[in-house]
Amino acid sequence: MDFDEDRMDTPEFARTVRDLERITRDIATRYIVQGVPLTWRVLLAIEAEALADLGFAGRHESALRELFARPADMSFPETDDLVDFGTSNALPPVFVFAVDAYDCAARAGHPELAVAVAH
């Protein structure tokens, strides 16, 4: 399939987003229930696992999946420092889903898992 941005409002795109969000949240939850804070290394591991999910690959065309890959020029540190995006509002989708999962856990009684944000 030849994919372009005009197709981003299609049902296929919406299904792909929901699927990737579910996969990402499931992966993040494994870390959350163990009390693992969201470090850059953990976030990058979540991203790698979510995008490599075989079910995700089997359910969605490669052109759709490629839309969710982080651009090569968008790099993040591979450290054990806690994630802090500062004032950034340009994040890969998997990052957004993972950070939201951690924020939900923090609001549900695990404040130690809150992700730092600039105010």
Protein backbone atom coordinates (compact mmCIF):
# COMPACT_ATOMS: atom_id res chain seq x y z
CA MET A 1 0.00 0.00 0.00
CA ASP A 2 1.31 3.42 -0.89
CA PHE A 3 0.71 5.47 2.24
CA ASP A 4 0.52 9.22 2.55
CA GLU A 5 -0.56 11.71 5.21
CA ASP A 6 -4.04 12.01 3.71
CA ARG A 7 -4.74 8.52 4.99
CA MET A 8 -4.11 9.45 8.64
CA ASP A 9 -7.82 9.99 9.20
CA THR A 10 -8.75 6.49 8.07
CA PRO A 11 -10.17 3.73 10.26
CA GLU A 12 -6.99 1.72 9.62
CA PHE A 13 -4.85 4.49 11.08
CA ALA A 14 -7.12 4.81 14.12
CA ARG A 15 -6.94 1.04 14.72
CA THR A 16 -3.16 1.15 14.47
CA VAL A 17 -2.97 3.98 17.02
CA ARG A 18 -5.25 2.14 19.47
CA ASP A 19 -3.29 -1.09 19.03
CA LEU A 20 0.07 0.59 19.60
CA GLU A 21 -1.29 2.41 22.63
CA ARG A 22 -2.59 -0.84 24.15
CA ILE A 23 0.70 -2.63 23.47
CA THR A 24 2.74 0.23 24.93
CA ARG A 25 0.57 0.49 28.04
CA ASP A 26 0.80 -3.29 28.58
CA ILE A 27 4.59 -3.15 28.38
CA ALA A 28 4.80 -0.07 30.63
CA THR A 29 2.52 -1.76 33.17
CA ARG A 30 5.03 -4.59 33.56
CA TYR A 31 7.60 -2.04 34.71
CA ILE A 32 5.09 -0.06 36.78
CA VAL A 33 3.91 -3.05 38.85
CA GLN A 34 7.55 -3.76 39.69
CA GLY A 35 8.02 -0.15 40.82
CA VAL A 36 10.60 0.56 38.11
CA PRO A 37 10.91 4.31 37.56
CA LEU A 38 10.74 5.63 34.01
CA THR A 39 14.34 6.18 33.02
CA TRP A 40 15.55 6.91 29.52
CA ARG A 41 16.83 3.33 29.23
CA VAL A 42 13.44 1.92 30.30
CA LEU A 43 11.55 4.24 27.96
CA LEU A 44 13.73 3.25 25.01
CA ALA A 45 13.24 -0.42 25.90
CA ILE A 46 9.46 0.07 26.00
CA GLU A 47 9.60 1.78 22.62
CA ALA A 48 11.73 -0.95 21.06
CA GLU A 49 9.51 -3.73 22.37
CA ALA A 50 6.27 -2.03 21.35
CA LEU A 51 7.40 -1.32 17.80
CA ALA A 52 8.84 -4.84 17.42
CA ASP A 53 5.68 -6.55 18.70
CA LEU A 54 4.92 -9.41 16.31
CA GLY A 55 1.18 -9.04 16.72
CA PHE A 56 1.43 -5.36 15.85
CA ALA A 57 3.50 -6.21 12.78
CA GLY A 58 1.05 -8.87 11.71
CA ARG A 59 -2.06 -6.73 12.12
CA HIS A 60 -0.89 -3.57 10.38
CA GLU A 61 0.74 -2.78 7.06
CA SER A 62 4.36 -1.69 7.15
CA ALA A 63 3.51 1.77 5.76
CA LEU A 64 1.24 2.37 8.75
CA ARG A 65 3.74 0.98 11.26
CA GLU A 66 6.50 3.19 9.88
CA LEU A 67 4.50 6.28 10.80
CA PHE A 68 5.11 5.48 14.46
CA ALA A 69 8.85 4.97 14.27
CA ARG A 70 10.90 7.71 15.90
CA PRO A 71 12.70 9.84 13.29
CA ALA A 72 16.41 9.04 13.10
CA ASP A 73 17.35 12.61 13.98
CA MET A 74 15.27 12.54 17.19
CA SER A 75 17.64 11.03 19.71
CA PHE A 76 17.34 10.63 23.46
CA PRO A 77 19.95 9.67 26.06
CA GLU A 78 20.45 5.98 26.76
CA THR A 79 20.99 6.46 30.48
CA ASP A 80 19.46 5.48 33.79
CA ASP A 81 18.52 9.10 34.49
CA LEU A 82 14.84 9.72 35.09
CA VAL A 83 12.93 10.86 32.04
CA ASP A 84 12.46 14.61 31.90
CA PHE A 85 11.14 16.18 28.74
CA GLY A 86 11.39 19.72 30.00
CA THR A 87 9.24 21.89 27.78
CA SER A 88 9.30 19.55 24.80
CA ASN A 89 5.97 18.88 23.14
CA ALA A 90 7.29 16.85 20.21
CA LEU A 91 7.39 13.25 21.37
CA PRO A 92 7.16 9.94 19.54
CA PRO A 93 3.75 8.29 20.06
CA VAL A 94 5.15 5.39 22.10
CA PHE A 95 6.76 7.89 24.48
CA VAL A 96 3.44 9.67 24.95
CA PHE A 97 1.62 6.40 25.71
CA ALA A 98 4.31 5.20 28.14
CA VAL A 99 4.56 8.53 29.97
CA ASP A 100 0.78 8.64 30.30
CA ALA A 101 0.74 5.11 31.75
CA TYR A 102 3.31 6.21 34.36
CA ASP A 103 1.38 9.41 35.10
CA CYS A 104 -1.82 7.40 35.61
CA ALA A 105 0.03 5.14 38.05
CA ALA A 106 1.37 8.19 39.89
CA ARG A 107 -2.13 9.64 40.23
CA ALA A 108 -3.44 6.25 41.39
CA GLY A 109 -1.26 6.26 44.47
CA HIS A 110 2.31 5.76 43.27
CA PRO A 111 3.73 9.31 43.21
CA GLU A 112 7.26 7.93 43.04
CA LEU A 113 6.51 6.94 39.45
CA ALA A 114 5.57 10.47 38.32
CA VAL A 115 7.40 11.74 35.28
CA ALA A 116 9.10 15.11 35.67
CA VAL A 117 7.64 17.93 33.62
CA ALA A 118 8.52 21.60 33.44
CA HIS A 119 5.87 24.06 34.54
